[in-house]
N, C-alpha and C. Protein backbone atom coordinates (compact mmCIF):
# COMPACT_ATOMS: atom_id res chain seq x y z
N UNK A 1 -13.49 11.32 -16.40
CA UNK A 1 -12.29 11.02 -15.64
C UNK A 1 -12.27 9.53 -15.30
N UNK A 2 -11.10 8.94 -15.36
CA UNK A 2 -10.93 7.54 -15.01
C UNK A 2 -11.07 7.35 -13.51
N UNK A 3 -11.83 6.34 -13.11
CA UNK A 3 -11.99 5.98 -11.70
C UNK A 3 -11.28 4.66 -11.46
N UNK A 4 -10.30 4.69 -10.56
CA UNK A 4 -9.50 3.51 -10.25
C UNK A 4 -9.69 3.13 -8.79
N UNK A 5 -9.85 1.85 -8.55
CA UNK A 5 -9.91 1.31 -7.19
C UNK A 5 -8.62 0.53 -6.94
N UNK A 6 -7.92 0.87 -5.85
CA UNK A 6 -6.71 0.16 -5.44
C UNK A 6 -6.98 -0.52 -4.10
N UNK A 7 -6.69 -1.80 -4.02
CA UNK A 7 -7.00 -2.59 -2.83
C UNK A 7 -5.76 -3.34 -2.38
N UNK A 8 -5.43 -3.21 -1.09
CA UNK A 8 -4.32 -4.00 -0.58
C UNK A 8 -3.49 -3.30 0.47
N UNK A 9 -2.19 -3.37 0.29
CA UNK A 9 -1.20 -3.02 1.31
C UNK A 9 -0.90 -1.52 1.35
N UNK A 10 -0.81 -1.01 2.57
CA UNK A 10 -0.27 0.33 2.81
C UNK A 10 0.71 0.21 3.97
N UNK A 11 1.65 1.13 4.01
CA UNK A 11 2.67 1.10 5.06
C UNK A 11 3.19 2.52 5.27
N UNK A 12 3.93 2.71 6.33
CA UNK A 12 4.66 3.95 6.53
C UNK A 12 6.13 3.64 6.28
N UNK A 13 6.70 4.28 5.26
CA UNK A 13 8.07 4.03 4.85
C UNK A 13 9.01 5.07 5.44
N UNK A 14 10.12 4.60 5.99
CA UNK A 14 11.23 5.46 6.40
C UNK A 14 12.33 5.21 5.39
N UNK A 15 12.64 6.22 4.58
CA UNK A 15 13.56 6.07 3.46
C UNK A 15 14.86 6.83 3.76
N UNK A 16 15.96 6.11 3.67
CA UNK A 16 17.28 6.66 3.96
C UNK A 16 18.13 6.62 2.70
N UNK A 17 18.72 7.74 2.34
CA UNK A 17 19.66 7.79 1.20
C UNK A 17 21.06 7.52 1.75
N UNK A 18 21.75 6.53 1.18
CA UNK A 18 23.09 6.17 1.64
C UNK A 18 24.03 6.06 0.44
N UNK A 19 25.32 6.12 0.71
CA UNK A 19 26.30 6.04 -0.38
C UNK A 19 26.26 4.66 -1.05
N UNK A 20 26.14 3.61 -0.23
CA UNK A 20 26.13 2.24 -0.77
C UNK A 20 25.42 1.33 0.22
N UNK A 21 24.87 0.24 -0.29
CA UNK A 21 24.26 -0.79 0.56
C UNK A 21 25.40 -1.60 1.17
N UNK A 22 25.46 -1.71 2.49
CA UNK A 22 26.57 -2.45 3.10
C UNK A 22 26.47 -3.95 2.84
N UNK A 23 27.64 -4.60 2.76
CA UNK A 23 27.66 -6.05 2.58
C UNK A 23 27.94 -6.79 3.89
N UNK A 24 28.10 -6.03 4.98
CA UNK A 24 28.29 -6.62 6.29
C UNK A 24 27.70 -5.66 7.33
N UNK A 25 27.44 -6.15 8.52
CA UNK A 25 26.87 -5.29 9.56
C UNK A 25 27.76 -4.08 9.84
N UNK A 26 27.14 -2.91 9.90
CA UNK A 26 27.87 -1.67 10.12
C UNK A 26 26.89 -0.58 10.51
N UNK A 27 27.40 0.59 10.81
CA UNK A 27 26.57 1.78 11.00
C UNK A 27 26.75 2.66 9.78
N UNK A 28 25.66 3.30 9.36
CA UNK A 28 25.70 4.17 8.18
C UNK A 28 25.21 5.56 8.56
N UNK A 29 25.73 6.56 7.88
CA UNK A 29 25.22 7.91 8.01
C UNK A 29 24.45 8.22 6.73
N UNK A 30 23.16 8.47 6.87
CA UNK A 30 22.33 8.78 5.71
C UNK A 30 22.56 10.23 5.27
N UNK A 31 22.48 10.46 3.98
CA UNK A 31 22.61 11.83 3.46
C UNK A 31 21.25 12.50 3.29
N UNK A 32 20.17 11.71 3.38
CA UNK A 32 18.81 12.25 3.29
C UNK A 32 17.86 11.28 3.96
N UNK A 33 16.72 11.80 4.38
CA UNK A 33 15.71 10.98 5.05
C UNK A 33 14.33 11.50 4.66
N UNK A 34 13.41 10.56 4.45
CA UNK A 34 12.03 10.90 4.14
C UNK A 34 11.12 9.88 4.79
N UNK A 35 10.07 10.33 5.43
CA UNK A 35 9.05 9.43 5.95
C UNK A 35 7.79 9.69 5.14
N UNK A 36 7.26 8.63 4.54
CA UNK A 36 6.12 8.80 3.66
C UNK A 36 5.29 7.52 3.60
N UNK A 37 4.07 7.67 3.18
CA UNK A 37 3.22 6.51 2.97
C UNK A 37 3.79 5.64 1.87
N UNK A 38 3.61 4.35 2.01
CA UNK A 38 4.09 3.40 1.01
C UNK A 38 3.17 2.20 0.97
N UNK A 39 3.67 1.12 0.44
CA UNK A 39 2.87 -0.08 0.28
C UNK A 39 2.39 -0.18 -1.16
N UNK A 40 2.21 -1.39 -1.62
CA UNK A 40 1.94 -1.62 -3.03
C UNK A 40 0.68 -0.90 -3.54
N UNK A 41 -0.46 -1.20 -2.97
CA UNK A 41 -1.70 -0.58 -3.44
C UNK A 41 -1.76 0.91 -3.11
N UNK A 42 -1.23 1.29 -1.95
CA UNK A 42 -1.23 2.71 -1.58
C UNK A 42 -0.34 3.50 -2.53
N UNK A 43 0.84 2.97 -2.86
CA UNK A 43 1.71 3.66 -3.82
C UNK A 43 1.04 3.79 -5.19
N UNK A 44 0.35 2.75 -5.62
CA UNK A 44 -0.38 2.83 -6.89
C UNK A 44 -1.46 3.90 -6.81
N UNK A 45 -2.09 4.03 -5.67
CA UNK A 45 -3.11 5.07 -5.47
C UNK A 45 -2.52 6.47 -5.65
N UNK A 46 -1.37 6.70 -4.99
CA UNK A 46 -0.69 7.99 -5.12
C UNK A 46 -0.33 8.27 -6.58
N UNK A 47 0.29 7.30 -7.23
CA UNK A 47 0.75 7.50 -8.60
C UNK A 47 -0.41 7.79 -9.55
N UNK A 48 -1.47 7.01 -9.47
CA UNK A 48 -2.62 7.20 -10.37
C UNK A 48 -3.29 8.54 -10.10
N UNK A 49 -3.38 8.93 -8.85
CA UNK A 49 -3.99 10.22 -8.52
C UNK A 49 -3.16 11.36 -9.10
N UNK A 50 -1.85 11.26 -8.98
CA UNK A 50 -0.96 12.32 -9.51
C UNK A 50 -1.01 12.38 -11.04
N UNK A 51 -1.40 11.26 -11.68
CA UNK A 51 -1.55 11.24 -13.13
C UNK A 51 -2.95 11.68 -13.57
N UNK A 52 -3.80 12.03 -12.60
CA UNK A 52 -5.10 12.61 -12.94
C UNK A 52 -6.31 11.72 -12.75
N UNK A 53 -6.12 10.50 -12.30
CA UNK A 53 -7.27 9.61 -12.09
C UNK A 53 -7.97 9.95 -10.78
N UNK A 54 -9.23 9.61 -10.72
CA UNK A 54 -9.97 9.63 -9.46
C UNK A 54 -9.74 8.27 -8.83
N UNK A 55 -9.23 8.23 -7.60
CA UNK A 55 -8.77 6.98 -7.00
C UNK A 55 -9.37 6.80 -5.61
N UNK A 56 -9.80 5.57 -5.35
CA UNK A 56 -10.17 5.16 -4.00
C UNK A 56 -9.20 4.07 -3.57
N UNK A 57 -8.81 4.11 -2.30
CA UNK A 57 -7.97 3.07 -1.71
C UNK A 57 -8.79 2.33 -0.67
N UNK A 58 -8.84 1.01 -0.80
CA UNK A 58 -9.49 0.15 0.19
C UNK A 58 -8.42 -0.72 0.82
N UNK A 59 -8.31 -0.62 2.12
CA UNK A 59 -7.31 -1.43 2.80
C UNK A 59 -7.41 -1.29 4.30
N UNK A 60 -6.38 -1.79 4.97
CA UNK A 60 -6.36 -1.84 6.42
C UNK A 60 -5.12 -1.14 6.94
N UNK A 61 -5.28 -0.45 8.05
CA UNK A 61 -4.16 0.12 8.80
C UNK A 61 -4.37 -0.23 10.26
N UNK A 62 -3.31 -0.11 11.03
CA UNK A 62 -3.42 -0.33 12.45
C UNK A 62 -4.11 0.84 13.13
N UNK A 63 -4.51 0.61 14.35
CA UNK A 63 -5.13 1.65 15.15
C UNK A 63 -4.02 2.35 15.94
N UNK A 64 -3.12 3.00 15.20
CA UNK A 64 -1.96 3.63 15.82
C UNK A 64 -1.61 4.93 15.08
N UNK A 65 -0.60 5.63 15.57
CA UNK A 65 -0.20 6.91 14.96
C UNK A 65 0.27 6.71 13.53
N UNK A 66 0.96 5.61 13.24
CA UNK A 66 1.39 5.36 11.86
C UNK A 66 0.21 5.16 10.93
N UNK A 67 -0.82 4.47 11.40
CA UNK A 67 -2.03 4.31 10.59
C UNK A 67 -2.67 5.65 10.28
N UNK A 68 -2.69 6.53 11.26
CA UNK A 68 -3.24 7.87 11.05
C UNK A 68 -2.42 8.64 10.02
N UNK A 69 -1.09 8.51 10.08
CA UNK A 69 -0.23 9.18 9.10
C UNK A 69 -0.51 8.66 7.69
N UNK A 70 -0.64 7.35 7.56
CA UNK A 70 -0.89 6.74 6.25
C UNK A 70 -2.20 7.27 5.67
N UNK A 71 -3.25 7.23 6.46
CA UNK A 71 -4.57 7.67 6.00
C UNK A 71 -4.56 9.17 5.70
N UNK A 72 -3.91 9.95 6.54
CA UNK A 72 -3.83 11.41 6.32
C UNK A 72 -3.11 11.74 5.01
N UNK A 73 -2.02 11.02 4.72
CA UNK A 73 -1.30 11.29 3.49
C UNK A 73 -2.11 10.90 2.25
N UNK A 74 -2.80 9.77 2.32
CA UNK A 74 -3.68 9.39 1.20
C UNK A 74 -4.74 10.45 0.97
N UNK A 75 -5.38 10.88 2.04
CA UNK A 75 -6.43 11.89 1.94
C UNK A 75 -5.89 13.21 1.40
N UNK A 76 -4.73 13.64 1.89
CA UNK A 76 -4.14 14.90 1.44
C UNK A 76 -3.81 14.87 -0.05
N UNK A 77 -3.54 13.68 -0.56
CA UNK A 77 -3.23 13.52 -1.98
C UNK A 77 -4.51 13.51 -2.83
N UNK A 78 -5.65 13.40 -2.18
CA UNK A 78 -6.91 13.37 -2.91
C UNK A 78 -7.43 11.98 -3.18
N UNK A 79 -6.85 10.99 -2.53
CA UNK A 79 -7.29 9.60 -2.67
C UNK A 79 -8.47 9.37 -1.74
N UNK A 80 -9.52 8.71 -2.23
CA UNK A 80 -10.68 8.38 -1.40
C UNK A 80 -10.31 7.35 -0.35
N UNK A 81 -10.65 7.63 0.90
CA UNK A 81 -10.27 6.75 2.01
C UNK A 81 -11.46 6.26 2.82
N UNK A 82 -12.66 6.40 2.30
CA UNK A 82 -13.85 6.03 3.08
C UNK A 82 -13.91 4.54 3.39
N UNK A 83 -13.17 3.72 2.65
CA UNK A 83 -13.16 2.28 2.90
C UNK A 83 -11.79 1.80 3.38
N UNK A 84 -11.16 2.61 4.22
CA UNK A 84 -9.96 2.18 4.94
C UNK A 84 -10.43 1.79 6.32
N UNK A 85 -10.00 0.62 6.76
CA UNK A 85 -10.43 0.11 8.06
C UNK A 85 -9.25 0.04 9.02
N UNK A 86 -9.47 0.54 10.21
CA UNK A 86 -8.48 0.42 11.28
C UNK A 86 -8.76 -0.89 12.01
N UNK A 87 -7.80 -1.81 11.94
CA UNK A 87 -8.05 -3.16 12.43
C UNK A 87 -7.35 -3.48 13.74
N UNK A 88 -6.82 -2.48 14.39
CA UNK A 88 -6.06 -2.76 15.61
C UNK A 88 -4.66 -3.22 15.24
N UNK A 89 -3.83 -3.38 16.22
CA UNK A 89 -2.46 -3.79 15.94
C UNK A 89 -1.64 -2.63 15.43
N UNK A 90 -0.45 -2.97 14.94
CA UNK A 90 0.50 -1.97 14.46
C UNK A 90 0.45 -1.90 12.94
N UNK A 91 0.41 -0.69 12.42
CA UNK A 91 0.43 -0.51 10.96
C UNK A 91 1.74 -1.01 10.38
N UNK A 92 1.69 -1.52 9.15
CA UNK A 92 2.92 -1.95 8.49
C UNK A 92 3.90 -0.79 8.35
N UNK A 93 5.18 -1.10 8.48
CA UNK A 93 6.24 -0.12 8.30
C UNK A 93 7.36 -0.74 7.47
N UNK A 94 8.17 0.13 6.90
CA UNK A 94 9.34 -0.33 6.15
C UNK A 94 10.48 0.65 6.35
N UNK A 95 11.68 0.11 6.53
CA UNK A 95 12.91 0.89 6.51
C UNK A 95 13.57 0.59 5.17
N UNK A 96 13.83 1.64 4.40
CA UNK A 96 14.33 1.46 3.05
C UNK A 96 15.64 2.23 2.90
N UNK A 97 16.70 1.52 2.52
CA UNK A 97 17.97 2.17 2.20
C UNK A 97 18.06 2.26 0.69
N UNK A 98 18.34 3.46 0.18
CA UNK A 98 18.53 3.65 -1.26
C UNK A 98 19.94 4.18 -1.47
N UNK A 99 20.73 3.43 -2.22
CA UNK A 99 22.13 3.79 -2.46
C UNK A 99 22.24 4.74 -3.64
N UNK A 100 23.36 5.43 -3.70
CA UNK A 100 23.60 6.38 -4.79
C UNK A 100 23.54 5.73 -6.16
N UNK A 101 23.84 4.43 -6.25
CA UNK A 101 23.79 3.74 -7.55
C UNK A 101 22.39 3.19 -7.87
N UNK A 102 21.42 3.46 -6.99
CA UNK A 102 20.05 3.04 -7.22
C UNK A 102 19.65 1.74 -6.56
N UNK A 103 20.62 0.99 -6.06
CA UNK A 103 20.29 -0.25 -5.36
C UNK A 103 19.50 0.09 -4.09
N UNK A 104 18.71 -0.88 -3.61
CA UNK A 104 17.93 -0.62 -2.40
C UNK A 104 17.89 -1.87 -1.53
N UNK A 105 17.66 -1.63 -0.27
CA UNK A 105 17.49 -2.68 0.72
C UNK A 105 16.23 -2.31 1.50
N UNK A 106 15.29 -3.24 1.61
CA UNK A 106 14.02 -2.96 2.25
C UNK A 106 13.80 -3.96 3.38
N UNK A 107 13.48 -3.44 4.56
CA UNK A 107 13.13 -4.27 5.71
C UNK A 107 11.71 -3.88 6.11
N UNK A 108 10.79 -4.85 6.04
CA UNK A 108 9.36 -4.59 6.25
C UNK A 108 8.88 -5.25 7.53
N UNK A 109 7.97 -4.59 8.22
CA UNK A 109 7.29 -5.21 9.35
C UNK A 109 5.79 -5.21 9.06
N UNK A 110 5.18 -6.40 9.09
CA UNK A 110 3.73 -6.56 8.98
C UNK A 110 3.25 -7.26 10.24
N UNK A 111 2.34 -6.66 10.96
CA UNK A 111 1.83 -7.21 12.20
C UNK A 111 1.10 -8.53 11.92
N UNK A 112 1.57 -9.64 12.46
CA UNK A 112 0.91 -10.92 12.19
C UNK A 112 -0.49 -11.01 12.80
N UNK A 113 -0.83 -10.08 13.68
CA UNK A 113 -2.15 -10.10 14.31
C UNK A 113 -3.21 -9.33 13.50
N UNK A 114 -2.82 -8.75 12.36
CA UNK A 114 -3.79 -8.01 11.55
C UNK A 114 -4.96 -8.90 11.16
N UNK A 115 -6.16 -8.40 11.33
CA UNK A 115 -7.38 -9.11 10.96
C UNK A 115 -7.48 -9.19 9.43
N UNK A 116 -7.53 -10.38 8.87
CA UNK A 116 -7.57 -10.57 7.42
C UNK A 116 -8.97 -10.51 6.84
N UNK A 117 -10.00 -10.43 7.67
CA UNK A 117 -11.38 -10.43 7.21
C UNK A 117 -11.62 -9.36 6.15
N UNK A 118 -12.27 -9.73 5.07
CA UNK A 118 -12.59 -8.80 3.99
C UNK A 118 -14.09 -8.66 3.79
N UNK A 119 -14.89 -9.24 4.67
CA UNK A 119 -16.35 -9.23 4.48
C UNK A 119 -16.94 -7.83 4.55
N UNK A 120 -16.24 -6.88 5.13
CA UNK A 120 -16.74 -5.52 5.29
C UNK A 120 -16.56 -4.66 4.03
N UNK A 121 -15.78 -5.14 3.06
CA UNK A 121 -15.55 -4.34 1.86
C UNK A 121 -16.85 -4.10 1.09
N UNK A 122 -17.09 -2.87 0.63
CA UNK A 122 -18.33 -2.55 -0.09
C UNK A 122 -18.27 -2.97 -1.56
N UNK A 123 -18.19 -4.27 -1.80
CA UNK A 123 -17.95 -4.78 -3.15
C UNK A 123 -19.07 -4.46 -4.14
N UNK A 124 -20.25 -4.13 -3.66
CA UNK A 124 -21.33 -3.76 -4.59
C UNK A 124 -20.97 -2.50 -5.37
N UNK A 125 -20.05 -1.69 -4.86
CA UNK A 125 -19.68 -0.45 -5.55
C UNK A 125 -18.51 -0.63 -6.53
N UNK A 126 -17.97 -1.83 -6.65
CA UNK A 126 -16.86 -2.06 -7.58
C UNK A 126 -17.26 -1.70 -9.01
N UNK A 127 -18.50 -1.92 -9.37
CA UNK A 127 -18.97 -1.63 -10.73
C UNK A 127 -18.87 -0.15 -11.09
N UNK A 128 -18.71 0.73 -10.12
CA UNK A 128 -18.60 2.17 -10.37
C UNK A 128 -17.22 2.57 -10.87
N UNK A 129 -16.26 1.66 -10.83
CA UNK A 129 -14.88 1.98 -11.21
C UNK A 129 -14.60 1.52 -12.64
N UNK A 130 -13.66 2.22 -13.30
CA UNK A 130 -13.23 1.84 -14.64
C UNK A 130 -12.21 0.72 -14.63
N UNK A 131 -11.49 0.58 -13.51
CA UNK A 131 -10.47 -0.46 -13.37
C UNK A 131 -10.19 -0.68 -11.89
N UNK A 132 -9.65 -1.86 -11.60
CA UNK A 132 -9.31 -2.24 -10.23
C UNK A 132 -7.88 -2.77 -10.22
N UNK A 133 -7.11 -2.32 -9.23
CA UNK A 133 -5.77 -2.86 -9.00
C UNK A 133 -5.76 -3.46 -7.60
N UNK A 134 -5.28 -4.68 -7.48
CA UNK A 134 -5.13 -5.31 -6.17
C UNK A 134 -3.70 -5.81 -6.04
N UNK A 135 -3.25 -5.97 -4.78
CA UNK A 135 -1.96 -6.60 -4.56
C UNK A 135 -2.16 -7.86 -3.74
N UNK A 136 -1.09 -8.62 -3.60
CA UNK A 136 -1.18 -9.92 -2.93
C UNK A 136 -0.88 -9.87 -1.44
N UNK A 137 -0.68 -8.70 -0.89
CA UNK A 137 -0.36 -8.60 0.53
C UNK A 137 -1.58 -8.82 1.42
N UNK A 138 -2.78 -8.67 0.84
CA UNK A 138 -4.02 -8.96 1.58
C UNK A 138 -4.86 -9.84 0.67
N UNK A 139 -4.59 -11.13 0.70
CA UNK A 139 -5.20 -12.07 -0.23
C UNK A 139 -6.72 -12.11 -0.13
N UNK A 140 -7.24 -12.04 1.09
CA UNK A 140 -8.69 -12.10 1.27
C UNK A 140 -9.38 -10.90 0.63
N UNK A 141 -8.81 -9.71 0.80
CA UNK A 141 -9.38 -8.51 0.18
C UNK A 141 -9.26 -8.57 -1.33
N UNK A 142 -8.09 -9.01 -1.81
CA UNK A 142 -7.89 -9.10 -3.26
C UNK A 142 -8.88 -10.07 -3.89
N UNK A 143 -9.03 -11.24 -3.30
CA UNK A 143 -9.95 -12.24 -3.87
C UNK A 143 -11.38 -11.73 -3.90
N UNK A 144 -11.81 -11.10 -2.83
CA UNK A 144 -13.19 -10.60 -2.76
C UNK A 144 -13.44 -9.52 -3.82
N UNK A 145 -12.48 -8.61 -3.98
CA UNK A 145 -12.65 -7.52 -4.95
C UNK A 145 -12.50 -8.04 -6.38
N UNK A 146 -11.57 -8.95 -6.61
CA UNK A 146 -11.43 -9.51 -7.96
C UNK A 146 -12.69 -10.27 -8.39
N UNK A 147 -13.31 -11.00 -7.47
CA UNK A 147 -14.57 -11.68 -7.79
C UNK A 147 -15.65 -10.67 -8.17
N UNK A 148 -15.74 -9.59 -7.40
CA UNK A 148 -16.74 -8.56 -7.69
C UNK A 148 -16.45 -7.87 -9.02
N UNK A 149 -15.18 -7.62 -9.31
CA UNK A 149 -14.81 -6.98 -10.58
C UNK A 149 -15.13 -7.89 -11.76
N UNK A 150 -14.85 -9.17 -11.60
CA UNK A 150 -15.18 -10.11 -12.69
C UNK A 150 -16.68 -10.11 -12.95
N UNK A 151 -17.47 -10.16 -11.89
CA UNK A 151 -18.93 -10.16 -12.04
C UNK A 151 -19.44 -8.88 -12.70
N UNK A 152 -18.77 -7.76 -12.42
CA UNK A 152 -19.18 -6.47 -12.98
C UNK A 152 -18.48 -6.15 -14.30
N UNK A 153 -17.62 -7.08 -14.75
CA UNK A 153 -16.87 -6.90 -16.00
C UNK A 153 -15.98 -5.65 -15.97
N UNK A 154 -15.36 -5.41 -14.82
CA UNK A 154 -14.42 -4.30 -14.65
C UNK A 154 -13.01 -4.85 -14.83
N UNK A 155 -12.19 -4.24 -15.69
CA UNK A 155 -10.82 -4.72 -15.89
C UNK A 155 -10.01 -4.66 -14.59
N UNK A 156 -9.09 -5.63 -14.45
CA UNK A 156 -8.31 -5.72 -13.22
C UNK A 156 -6.81 -5.83 -13.52
N UNK A 157 -6.03 -5.42 -12.53
CA UNK A 157 -4.57 -5.56 -12.55
C UNK A 157 -4.18 -6.19 -11.22
N UNK A 158 -3.32 -7.20 -11.27
CA UNK A 158 -2.80 -7.83 -10.06
C UNK A 158 -1.32 -7.49 -9.92
N UNK A 159 -0.96 -6.81 -8.83
CA UNK A 159 0.44 -6.60 -8.49
C UNK A 159 0.85 -7.84 -7.69
N UNK A 160 1.58 -8.74 -8.32
CA UNK A 160 1.86 -10.05 -7.73
C UNK A 160 3.26 -10.16 -7.15
N UNK A 161 3.92 -9.05 -6.85
CA UNK A 161 5.24 -9.10 -6.23
C UNK A 161 5.11 -9.70 -4.85
N UNK A 162 5.69 -10.85 -4.64
CA UNK A 162 5.57 -11.52 -3.35
C UNK A 162 6.79 -11.39 -2.47
N UNK A 163 7.90 -10.90 -2.99
CA UNK A 163 9.10 -10.77 -2.17
C UNK A 163 9.61 -12.13 -1.72
N UNK A 164 10.50 -12.13 -0.74
CA UNK A 164 11.06 -13.40 -0.28
C UNK A 164 10.03 -14.24 0.45
N UNK A 165 10.13 -15.54 0.30
CA UNK A 165 9.22 -16.47 0.96
C UNK A 165 9.93 -17.10 2.14
N UNK A 166 9.81 -16.51 3.35
CA UNK A 166 10.43 -17.13 4.52
C UNK A 166 9.40 -17.78 5.37
């Protein structure tokens, strides 16, 4: 079985289905709602696990109810969570509007007080994986794991979606 390590961002997504994305401030009535774990590396973890891979997720969540929901959903999906760290602060969240035509609008909150330290990651175990995926939302964690993967000759994938630069 393929073993994949995903490192980086996780969030709690609130997803609203709407007829159309508004072009001016207004109130909308959603036709559907879903609250689920999200985030670049966490979503990759879910997808790879559902495709049959053995997956571990390494990342950070806040020490709050949303962090517990994120970790619980990863675990329930069968994703390894032993290297998820609760760093205090508020877990990342996103409000996502998805229109009937497929367009989307995403509003994300990332706590600026999140501890970026990656020294706690168990990088000696990176060699046990067949591949590593990292995202750019936690640069310190990505750099540390990519260095370890290079040293262990483990193939890597970088999800480099950076979104808007404000």
